[in-house]
């Protein structure tokens, strides 16, 4: 038997032993919508694990973390996300960016819920992952009571909250400006008719952009600039509050600053091409 015959026979045997369920699964995974959903899910998960993990180090780790570390965590988390999904879904990792692309006619509206669902699930799972990973440190730091405000607050590991010097409307305007800068610079980085980033460097340049935004404009509102970054972790902490209320845990204490949850959802401007 020749080598070619053995190869054909091996191929036929592998097809014969492949279960129908596996065959159907492969067919499903080859569909464009499914691949884009998984790409947004995985890229957002990676970005958020790095970003939230950096915040956990800053809040819980005393000298082991810093605000610069948070900027680098989110910035290079975005870079890794773009490398993982850039050629599949575009690696939006941001519902505001997906909305803008649909509004500008760059992608179909039917993909909008697919992208956003993938982003939200990835972000939610990342918040749960960081909570489990740093659980003992969170409990030790907070004394077993998880709060939004106070000297041992830990809710800011997961979502953004306004500092005392900011009002809700100032936070809204801050997010409008910062998100506008993000989308304006993204358009410049990818504008082939002007002076785009060199081929193969887009992921790194976008990551550096996020670092610069955080380092220069992140103090006032935490630069959420992304509903997919901020809203799912808030849902996660709300579930924690419900699950642990009998133990005194509460991540949703009544506070005027909690109105900020809607800001990353509605504050993103449309940046025209």
C-alpha atoms as a PDB file:
ATOM      1  CA  UNK A   1       0.000   0.000   0.000  1.00  0.00           C
ATOM      2  CA  UNK A   2       1.420   3.352  -1.029  1.00  0.00           C
ATOM      3  CA  UNK A   3       1.658   6.342   1.296  1.00  0.00           C
ATOM      4  CA  UNK A   4      -1.108   8.126  -0.615  1.00  0.00           C
ATOM      5  CA  UNK A   5      -3.425   5.134  -0.150  1.00  0.00           C
ATOM      6  CA  UNK A   6      -2.656   4.972   3.573  1.00  0.00           C
ATOM      7  CA  UNK A   7      -3.415   8.682   3.899  1.00  0.00           C
ATOM      8  CA  UNK A   8      -6.777   8.324   2.115  1.00  0.00           C
ATOM      9  CA  UNK A   9      -7.664   5.340   4.275  1.00  0.00           C
ATOM     10  CA  UNK A  10      -6.744   7.251   7.447  1.00  0.00           C
ATOM     11  CA  UNK A  11      -8.904  10.170   6.337  1.00  0.00           C
ATOM     12  CA  UNK A  12     -11.893   7.886   5.645  1.00  0.00           C
ATOM     13  CA  UNK A  13     -11.495   6.202   9.032  1.00  0.00           C
ATOM     14  CA  UNK A  14     -11.310   9.538  10.867  1.00  0.00           C
ATOM     15  CA  UNK A  15     -14.528  10.639   9.168  1.00  0.00           C
ATOM     16  CA  UNK A  16     -16.213   7.363  10.107  1.00  0.00           C
ATOM     17  CA  UNK A  17     -15.355   7.641  13.809  1.00  0.00           C
ATOM     18  CA  UNK A  18     -16.255  11.348  14.154  1.00  0.00           C
ATOM     19  CA  UNK A  19     -19.499  11.558  16.179  1.00  0.00           C
ATOM     20  CA  UNK A  20     -22.372  13.436  14.535  1.00  0.00           C
ATOM     21  CA  UNK A  21     -22.442  15.915  17.437  1.00  0.00           C
ATOM     22  CA  UNK A  22     -18.815  16.864  16.807  1.00  0.00           C
ATOM     23  CA  UNK A  23     -19.500  17.304  13.102  1.00  0.00           C
ATOM     24  CA  UNK A  24     -22.451  19.579  13.841  1.00  0.00           C
ATOM     25  CA  UNK A  25     -20.376  21.541  16.335  1.00  0.00           C
ATOM     26  CA  UNK A  26     -17.653  22.107  13.748  1.00  0.00           C
ATOM     27  CA  UNK A  27     -20.257  23.293  11.261  1.00  0.00           C
ATOM     28  CA  UNK A  28     -21.685  25.747  13.816  1.00  0.00           C
ATOM     29  CA  UNK A  29     -18.243  27.107  14.707  1.00  0.00           C
ATOM     30  CA  UNK A  30     -17.531  27.798  11.038  1.00  0.00           C
ATOM     31  CA  UNK A  31     -20.494  30.196  10.780  1.00  0.00           C
ATOM     32  CA  UNK A  32     -19.441  33.828  10.569  1.00  0.00           C
ATOM     33  CA  UNK A  33     -21.773  35.104  13.293  1.00  0.00           C
ATOM     34  CA  UNK A  34     -20.652  32.414  15.757  1.00  0.00           C
ATOM     35  CA  UNK A  35     -16.974  33.100  15.094  1.00  0.00           C
ATOM     36  CA  UNK A  36     -17.501  36.844  15.584  1.00  0.00           C
ATOM     37  CA  UNK A  37     -19.440  36.259  18.812  1.00  0.00           C
ATOM     38  CA  UNK A  38     -16.665  34.053  20.184  1.00  0.00           C
ATOM     39  CA  UNK A  39     -14.024  36.543  19.051  1.00  0.00           C
ATOM     40  CA  UNK A  40     -15.698  39.409  20.912  1.00  0.00           C
ATOM     41  CA  UNK A  41     -16.271  37.205  23.950  1.00  0.00           C
ATOM     42  CA  UNK A  42     -12.660  36.045  24.183  1.00  0.00           C
ATOM     43  CA  UNK A  43     -11.006  39.381  23.370  1.00  0.00           C
ATOM     44  CA  UNK A  44     -13.180  41.248  25.895  1.00  0.00           C
ATOM     45  CA  UNK A  45     -12.507  38.588  28.528  1.00  0.00           C
ATOM     46  CA  UNK A  46      -8.739  38.925  28.042  1.00  0.00           C
ATOM     47  CA  UNK A  47      -8.843  42.740  28.136  1.00  0.00           C
ATOM     48  CA  UNK A  48     -10.946  42.778  31.291  1.00  0.00           C
ATOM     49  CA  UNK A  49      -8.936  40.141  33.162  1.00  0.00           C
ATOM     50  CA  UNK A  50      -5.749  42.145  32.648  1.00  0.00           C
ATOM     51  CA  UNK A  51      -7.438  45.468  33.417  1.00  0.00           C
ATOM     52  CA  UNK A  52      -9.429  44.416  36.492  1.00  0.00           C
ATOM     53  CA  UNK A  53      -6.476  42.409  37.761  1.00  0.00           C
ATOM     54  CA  UNK A  54      -4.323  45.557  37.602  1.00  0.00           C
ATOM     55  CA  UNK A  55      -6.973  47.485  39.558  1.00  0.00           C
ATOM     56  CA  UNK A  56      -7.077  44.713  42.166  1.00  0.00           C
ATOM     57  CA  UNK A  57      -3.317  45.063  42.613  1.00  0.00           C
ATOM     58  CA  UNK A  58      -3.663  48.828  43.075  1.00  0.00           C
ATOM     59  CA  UNK A  59      -6.534  48.561  45.580  1.00  0.00           C
ATOM     60  CA  UNK A  60      -5.472  45.478  47.523  1.00  0.00           C
ATOM     61  CA  UNK A  61      -1.742  45.147  47.009  1.00  0.00           C
ATOM     62  CA  UNK A  62      -0.413  48.179  48.894  1.00  0.00           C
ATOM     63  CA  UNK A  63       2.883  48.785  47.036  1.00  0.00           C
ATOM     64  CA  UNK A  64       2.322  46.024  44.487  1.00  0.00           C
ATOM     65  CA  UNK A  65       0.085  48.110  42.210  1.00  0.00           C
ATOM     66  CA  UNK A  66      -0.273  51.656  40.917  1.00  0.00           C
ATOM     67  CA  UNK A  67      -2.468  53.851  38.732  1.00  0.00           C
ATOM     68  CA  UNK A  68       0.123  53.547  35.979  1.00  0.00           C
ATOM     69  CA  UNK A  69      -0.157  49.782  36.325  1.00  0.00           C
ATOM     70  CA  UNK A  70      -3.922  50.050  35.773  1.00  0.00           C
ATOM     71  CA  UNK A  71      -3.376  52.055  32.587  1.00  0.00           C
ATOM     72  CA  UNK A  72      -0.834  49.537  31.351  1.00  0.00           C
ATOM     73  CA  UNK A  73      -3.106  46.617  32.280  1.00  0.00           C
ATOM     74  CA  UNK A  74      -6.027  47.949  30.271  1.00  0.00           C
ATOM     75  CA  UNK A  75      -3.849  49.291  27.454  1.00  0.00           C
ATOM     76  CA  UNK A  76      -1.953  46.107  26.778  1.00  0.00           C
ATOM     77  CA  UNK A  77      -5.052  44.061  27.574  1.00  0.00           C
ATOM     78  CA  UNK A  78      -6.611  45.840  24.580  1.00  0.00           C
ATOM     79  CA  UNK A  79      -3.479  45.038  22.556  1.00  0.00           C
ATOM     80  CA  UNK A  80      -3.774  41.324  23.341  1.00  0.00           C
ATOM     81  CA  UNK A  81      -7.502  41.427  22.550  1.00  0.00           C
ATOM     82  CA  UNK A  82      -6.839  42.952  19.133  1.00  0.00           C
ATOM     83  CA  UNK A  83      -4.255  40.270  18.402  1.00  0.00           C
ATOM     84  CA  UNK A  84      -6.753  37.565  19.357  1.00  0.00           C
ATOM     85  CA  UNK A  85      -9.763  38.799  17.395  1.00  0.00           C
ATOM     86  CA  UNK A  86      -8.747  41.626  15.093  1.00  0.00           C
ATOM     87  CA  UNK A  87      -9.038  39.629  11.866  1.00  0.00           C
ATOM     88  CA  UNK A  88     -12.273  37.914  12.894  1.00  0.00           C
ATOM     89  CA  UNK A  89     -14.559  40.547  14.386  1.00  0.00           C
ATOM     90  CA  UNK A  90     -12.376  43.636  14.411  1.00  0.00           C
ATOM     91  CA  UNK A  91     -11.937  43.182  18.192  1.00  0.00           C
ATOM     92  CA  UNK A  92     -14.301  45.981  19.194  1.00  0.00           C
ATOM     93  CA  UNK A  93     -14.461  44.941  22.876  1.00  0.00           C
ATOM     94  CA  UNK A  94     -16.677  48.010  23.279  1.00  0.00           C
ATOM     95  CA  UNK A  95     -20.427  48.311  22.708  1.00  0.00           C
ATOM     96  CA  UNK A  96     -20.029  52.029  21.967  1.00  0.00           C
ATOM     97  CA  UNK A  97     -17.572  51.253  19.182  1.00  0.00           C
ATOM     98  CA  UNK A  98     -19.880  48.569  17.789  1.00  0.00           C
ATOM     99  CA  UNK A  99     -22.809  51.001  17.870  1.00  0.00           C
ATOM    100  CA  UNK A 100     -20.767  53.657  16.044  1.00  0.00           C
ATOM    101  CA  UNK A 101     -19.687  51.189  13.345  1.00  0.00           C
ATOM    102  CA  UNK A 102     -23.316  50.203  12.763  1.00  0.00           C
ATOM    103  CA  UNK A 103     -24.476  53.841  12.746  1.00  0.00           C
ATOM    104  CA  UNK A 104     -21.823  54.754  10.183  1.00  0.00           C
ATOM    105  CA  UNK A 105     -22.808  51.834   7.946  1.00  0.00           C
ATOM    106  CA  UNK A 106     -19.552  49.953   8.416  1.00  0.00           C
ATOM    107  CA  UNK A 107     -21.340  46.812   9.602  1.00  0.00           C
ATOM    108  CA  UNK A 108     -24.864  45.408   9.637  1.00  0.00           C
ATOM    109  CA  UNK A 109     -27.198  46.205  12.528  1.00  0.00           C
ATOM    110  CA  UNK A 110     -28.057  42.508  12.782  1.00  0.00           C
ATOM    111  CA  UNK A 111     -24.548  41.936  14.133  1.00  0.00           C
ATOM    112  CA  UNK A 112     -24.964  44.509  16.882  1.00  0.00           C
ATOM    113  CA  UNK A 113     -26.659  42.241  19.468  1.00  0.00           C
ATOM    114  CA  UNK A 114     -24.233  39.409  18.628  1.00  0.00           C
ATOM    115  CA  UNK A 115     -21.191  41.585  19.275  1.00  0.00           C
ATOM    116  CA  UNK A 116     -22.609  43.196  22.418  1.00  0.00           C
ATOM    117  CA  UNK A 117     -23.719  39.877  23.900  1.00  0.00           C
ATOM    118  CA  UNK A 118     -20.232  38.451  23.359  1.00  0.00           C
ATOM    119  CA  UNK A 119     -18.645  41.521  24.948  1.00  0.00           C
ATOM    120  CA  UNK A 120     -20.985  41.539  27.942  1.00  0.00           C
ATOM    121  CA  UNK A 121     -20.549  37.833  28.655  1.00  0.00           C
ATOM    122  CA  UNK A 122     -16.765  38.122  28.350  1.00  0.00           C
ATOM    123  CA  UNK A 123     -16.696  41.116  30.690  1.00  0.00           C
ATOM    124  CA  UNK A 124     -19.018  39.450  33.218  1.00  0.00           C
ATOM    125  CA  UNK A 125     -16.923  36.284  33.255  1.00  0.00           C
ATOM    126  CA  UNK A 126     -13.754  38.357  33.678  1.00  0.00           C
ATOM    127  CA  UNK A 127     -15.245  40.076  36.745  1.00  0.00           C
ATOM    128  CA  UNK A 128     -16.165  36.695  38.220  1.00  0.00           C
ATOM    129  CA  UNK A 129     -12.668  35.398  37.458  1.00  0.00           C
ATOM    130  CA  UNK A 130     -10.967  38.324  39.201  1.00  0.00           C
ATOM    131  CA  UNK A 131     -13.292  38.003  42.190  1.00  0.00           C
ATOM    132  CA  UNK A 132     -12.437  34.321  42.581  1.00  0.00           C
ATOM    133  CA  UNK A 133      -8.720  34.917  41.975  1.00  0.00           C
ATOM    134  CA  UNK A 134      -8.458  37.704  44.566  1.00  0.00           C
ATOM    135  CA  UNK A 135     -11.210  36.509  46.909  1.00  0.00           C
ATOM    136  CA  UNK A 136      -9.031  36.023  49.979  1.00  0.00           C
ATOM    137  CA  UNK A 137      -7.264  39.345  49.431  1.00  0.00           C
ATOM    138  CA  UNK A 138     -10.621  41.134  49.027  1.00  0.00           C
ATOM    139  CA  UNK A 139     -12.008  39.615  52.223  1.00  0.00           C
ATOM    140  CA  UNK A 140      -8.828  40.374  54.155  1.00  0.00           C
ATOM    141  CA  UNK A 141      -8.686  43.963  52.910  1.00  0.00           C
ATOM    142  CA  UNK A 142     -12.379  44.721  53.457  1.00  0.00           C
ATOM    143  CA  UNK A 143     -12.810  42.837  56.711  1.00  0.00           C
ATOM    144  CA  UNK A 144     -15.489  40.718  55.090  1.00  0.00           C
ATOM    145  CA  UNK A 145     -17.746  43.640  54.181  1.00  0.00           C
ATOM    146  CA  UNK A 146     -17.644  44.623  50.527  1.00  0.00           C
ATOM    147  CA  UNK A 147     -18.598  48.258  50.042  1.00  0.00           C
ATOM    148  CA  UNK A 148     -18.768  50.989  47.420  1.00  0.00           C
ATOM    149  CA  UNK A 149     -17.414  53.805  49.603  1.00  0.00           C
ATOM    150  CA  UNK A 150     -15.150  54.118  52.595  1.00  0.00           C
ATOM    151  CA  UNK A 151     -11.507  53.364  53.380  1.00  0.00           C
ATOM    152  CA  UNK A 152     -11.867  49.659  52.542  1.00  0.00           C
ATOM    153  CA  UNK A 153     -14.126  49.979  49.489  1.00  0.00           C
ATOM    154  CA  UNK A 154     -13.633  47.245  46.889  1.00  0.00           C
ATOM    155  CA  UNK A 155     -16.433  47.902  44.384  1.00  0.00           C
ATOM    156  CA  UNK A 156     -14.048  50.106  42.391  1.00  0.00           C
ATOM    157  CA  UNK A 157     -12.078  46.986  41.476  1.00  0.00           C
ATOM    158  CA  UNK A 158     -14.932  46.046  39.167  1.00  0.00           C
ATOM    159  CA  UNK A 159     -16.670  49.251  38.026  1.00  0.00           C
ATOM    160  CA  UNK A 160     -16.034  52.999  37.885  1.00  0.00           C
ATOM    161  CA  UNK A 161     -17.296  55.398  40.566  1.00  0.00           C
ATOM    162  CA  UNK A 162     -17.018  59.162  40.696  1.00  0.00           C
ATOM    163  CA  UNK A 163     -14.695  60.746  43.278  1.00  0.00           C
ATOM    164  CA  UNK A 164     -16.114  63.220  45.788  1.00  0.00           C
ATOM    165  CA  UNK A 165     -15.071  66.282  43.781  1.00  0.00           C
ATOM    166  CA  UNK A 166     -17.145  65.220  40.741  1.00  0.00           C
ATOM    167  CA  UNK A 167     -20.867  65.670  40.198  1.00  0.00           C
ATOM    168  CA  UNK A 168     -22.881  63.268  38.069  1.00  0.00           C
ATOM    169  CA  UNK A 169     -23.215  65.701  35.156  1.00  0.00           C
ATOM    170  CA  UNK A 170     -19.532  66.570  35.223  1.00  0.00           C
ATOM    171  CA  UNK A 171     -18.873  62.844  35.060  1.00  0.00           C
ATOM    172  CA  UNK A 172     -21.184  62.583  32.081  1.00  0.00           C
ATOM    173  CA  UNK A 173     -19.415  65.400  30.215  1.00  0.00           C
ATOM    174  CA  UNK A 174     -16.051  63.900  31.102  1.00  0.00           C
ATOM    175  CA  UNK A 175     -17.050  60.557  29.587  1.00  0.00           C
ATOM    176  CA  UNK A 176     -18.348  62.300  26.449  1.00  0.00           C
ATOM    177  CA  UNK A 177     -15.004  64.011  25.909  1.00  0.00           C
ATOM    178  CA  UNK A 178     -12.831  61.004  26.746  1.00  0.00           C
ATOM    179  CA  UNK A 179     -14.890  58.608  24.622  1.00  0.00           C
ATOM    180  CA  UNK A 180     -14.820  61.114  21.772  1.00  0.00           C
ATOM    181  CA  UNK A 181     -11.023  61.259  21.976  1.00  0.00           C
ATOM    182  CA  UNK A 182     -10.885  57.461  21.893  1.00  0.00           C
ATOM    183  CA  UNK A 183     -13.031  57.117  18.800  1.00  0.00           C
ATOM    184  CA  UNK A 184     -11.410  60.068  17.018  1.00  0.00           C
ATOM    185  CA  UNK A 185      -7.943  58.581  17.504  1.00  0.00           C
ATOM    186  CA  UNK A 186      -9.141  55.100  16.507  1.00  0.00           C
ATOM    187  CA  UNK A 187     -10.421  56.510  13.242  1.00  0.00           C
ATOM    188  CA  UNK A 188      -7.072  58.204  12.666  1.00  0.00           C
ATOM    189  CA  UNK A 189      -5.125  55.026  13.421  1.00  0.00           C
ATOM    190  CA  UNK A 190      -7.157  53.043  10.877  1.00  0.00           C
ATOM    191  CA  UNK A 191      -7.655  55.761   8.209  1.00  0.00           C
ATOM    192  CA  UNK A 192      -5.887  54.399   5.130  1.00  0.00           C
ATOM    193  CA  UNK A 193      -6.414  57.671   3.276  1.00  0.00           C
ATOM    194  CA  UNK A 194      -4.364  59.649   5.777  1.00  0.00           C
ATOM    195  CA  UNK A 195      -1.450  58.386   7.879  1.00  0.00           C
ATOM    196  CA  UNK A 196      -2.556  55.113   9.529  1.00  0.00           C
ATOM    197  CA  UNK A 197      -0.499  52.923  11.832  1.00  0.00           C
ATOM    198  CA  UNK A 198       1.899  50.658  10.005  1.00  0.00           C
ATOM    199  CA  UNK A 199       0.550  47.250   9.045  1.00  0.00           C
ATOM    200  CA  UNK A 200       0.981  44.891  11.976  1.00  0.00           C
ATOM    201  CA  UNK A 201       1.393  47.643  14.570  1.00  0.00           C
ATOM    202  CA  UNK A 202      -2.267  48.639  14.975  1.00  0.00           C
ATOM    203  CA  UNK A 203      -2.795  46.519  18.099  1.00  0.00           C
ATOM    204  CA  UNK A 204       0.205  48.049  19.854  1.00  0.00           C
ATOM    205  CA  UNK A 205      -0.717  51.603  18.839  1.00  0.00           C
ATOM    206  CA  UNK A 206      -4.313  51.145  20.059  1.00  0.00           C
ATOM    207  CA  UNK A 207      -3.004  49.802  23.364  1.00  0.00           C
ATOM    208  CA  UNK A 208      -0.722  52.824  23.728  1.00  0.00           C
ATOM    209  CA  UNK A 209      -3.718  55.063  22.976  1.00  0.00           C
ATOM    210  CA  UNK A 210      -5.650  53.545  25.898  1.00  0.00           C
ATOM    211  CA  UNK A 211      -2.631  54.028  28.183  1.00  0.00           C
ATOM    212  CA  UNK A 212      -2.347  57.687  27.147  1.00  0.00           C
ATOM    213  CA  UNK A 213      -6.072  58.328  27.690  1.00  0.00           C
ATOM    214  CA  UNK A 214      -5.928  56.799  31.152  1.00  0.00           C
ATOM    215  CA  UNK A 215      -2.750  58.643  32.116  1.00  0.00           C
ATOM    216  CA  UNK A 216      -3.990  62.039  30.914  1.00  0.00           C
ATOM    217  CA  UNK A 217      -7.779  62.030  31.394  1.00  0.00           C
ATOM    218  CA  UNK A 218      -8.673  59.101  33.636  1.00  0.00           C
ATOM    219  CA  UNK A 219      -8.758  60.772  37.062  1.00  0.00           C
ATOM    220  CA  UNK A 220     -12.233  62.318  36.998  1.00  0.00           C
ATOM    221  CA  UNK A 221     -14.489  59.415  36.011  1.00  0.00           C
ATOM    222  CA  UNK A 222     -12.223  56.384  35.778  1.00  0.00           C
ATOM    223  CA  UNK A 223     -12.368  56.534  31.953  1.00  0.00           C
ATOM    224  CA  UNK A 224     -14.875  53.700  31.517  1.00  0.00           C
ATOM    225  CA  UNK A 225     -15.369  54.862  27.873  1.00  0.00           C
ATOM    226  CA  UNK A 226     -17.057  51.531  27.271  1.00  0.00           C
ATOM    227  CA  UNK A 227     -20.428  50.073  28.340  1.00  0.00           C
ATOM    228  CA  UNK A 228     -18.975  46.583  27.926  1.00  0.00           C
ATOM    229  CA  UNK A 229     -16.218  47.408  30.395  1.00  0.00           C
ATOM    230  CA  UNK A 230     -18.431  48.944  33.090  1.00  0.00           C
ATOM    231  CA  UNK A 231     -21.955  47.523  32.993  1.00  0.00           C
ATOM    232  CA  UNK A 232     -21.421  43.719  33.204  1.00  0.00           C
ATOM    233  CA  UNK A 233     -19.131  43.966  36.273  1.00  0.00           C
ATOM    234  CA  UNK A 234     -21.831  46.087  37.933  1.00  0.00           C
ATOM    235  CA  UNK A 235     -24.329  43.301  37.294  1.00  0.00           C
ATOM    236  CA  UNK A 236     -21.845  40.872  38.806  1.00  0.00           C
ATOM    237  CA  UNK A 237     -21.373  42.935  41.973  1.00  0.00           C
ATOM    238  CA  UNK A 238     -25.152  43.322  42.263  1.00  0.00           C
ATOM    239  CA  UNK A 239     -25.477  39.542  42.200  1.00  0.00           C
ATOM    240  CA  UNK A 240     -22.812  39.342  44.900  1.00  0.00           C
ATOM    241  CA  UNK A 241     -24.782  41.791  47.032  1.00  0.00           C
ATOM    242  CA  UNK A 242     -27.902  39.659  46.710  1.00  0.00           C
ATOM    243  CA  UNK A 243     -26.075  36.406  47.383  1.00  0.00           C
ATOM    244  CA  UNK A 244     -24.233  37.662  50.467  1.00  0.00           C
ATOM    245  CA  UNK A 245     -26.725  40.072  52.007  1.00  0.00           C
ATOM    246  CA  UNK A 246     -27.240  37.780  55.005  1.00  0.00           C
ATOM    247  CA  UNK A 247     -23.509  38.022  55.709  1.00  0.00           C
ATOM    248  CA  UNK A 248     -23.488  41.797  55.541  1.00  0.00           C
ATOM    249  CA  UNK A 249     -21.930  41.990  52.074  1.00  0.00           C
ATOM    250  CA  UNK A 250     -23.105  44.889  49.963  1.00  0.00           C
ATOM    251  CA  UNK A 251     -21.593  46.292  46.794  1.00  0.00           C
ATOM    252  CA  UNK A 252     -24.600  48.449  45.962  1.00  0.00           C
ATOM    253  CA  UNK A 253     -24.871  50.821  48.896  1.00  0.00           C
ATOM    254  CA  UNK A 254     -27.280  53.716  48.309  1.00  0.00           C
ATOM    255  CA  UNK A 255     -25.156  56.611  47.052  1.00  0.00           C
ATOM    256  CA  UNK A 256     -25.779  59.418  44.542  1.00  0.00           C
ATOM    257  CA  UNK A 257     -22.650  58.401  42.659  1.00  0.00           C
ATOM    258  CA  UNK A 258     -24.270  55.140  41.617  1.00  0.00           C
ATOM    259  CA  UNK A 259     -26.117  57.066  38.941  1.00  0.00           C
ATOM    260  CA  UNK A 260     -22.866  56.840  37.004  1.00  0.00           C
ATOM    261  CA  UNK A 261     -23.828  53.376  35.741  1.00  0.00           C
ATOM    262  CA  UNK A 262     -25.735  54.853  32.799  1.00  0.00           C
ATOM    263  CA  UNK A 263     -23.011  57.311  31.784  1.00  0.00           C
ATOM    264  CA  UNK A 264     -20.816  54.861  29.803  1.00  0.00           C
ATOM    265  CA  UNK A 265     -23.970  53.637  28.065  1.00  0.00           C
ATOM    266  CA  UNK A 266     -25.236  56.972  26.714  1.00  0.00           C
ATOM    267  CA  UNK A 267     -22.237  59.322  26.828  1.00  0.00           C
ATOM    268  CA  UNK A 268     -20.393  58.042  23.783  1.00  0.00           C
ATOM    269  CA  UNK A 269     -20.594  60.537  20.908  1.00  0.00           C
ATOM    270  CA  UNK A 270     -20.882  59.635  17.236  1.00  0.00           C
ATOM    271  CA  UNK A 271     -17.610  60.620  15.595  1.00  0.00           C
ATOM    272  CA  UNK A 272     -18.220  61.105  11.845  1.00  0.00           C
ATOM    273  CA  UNK A 273     -15.708  59.938   9.268  1.00  0.00           C
END
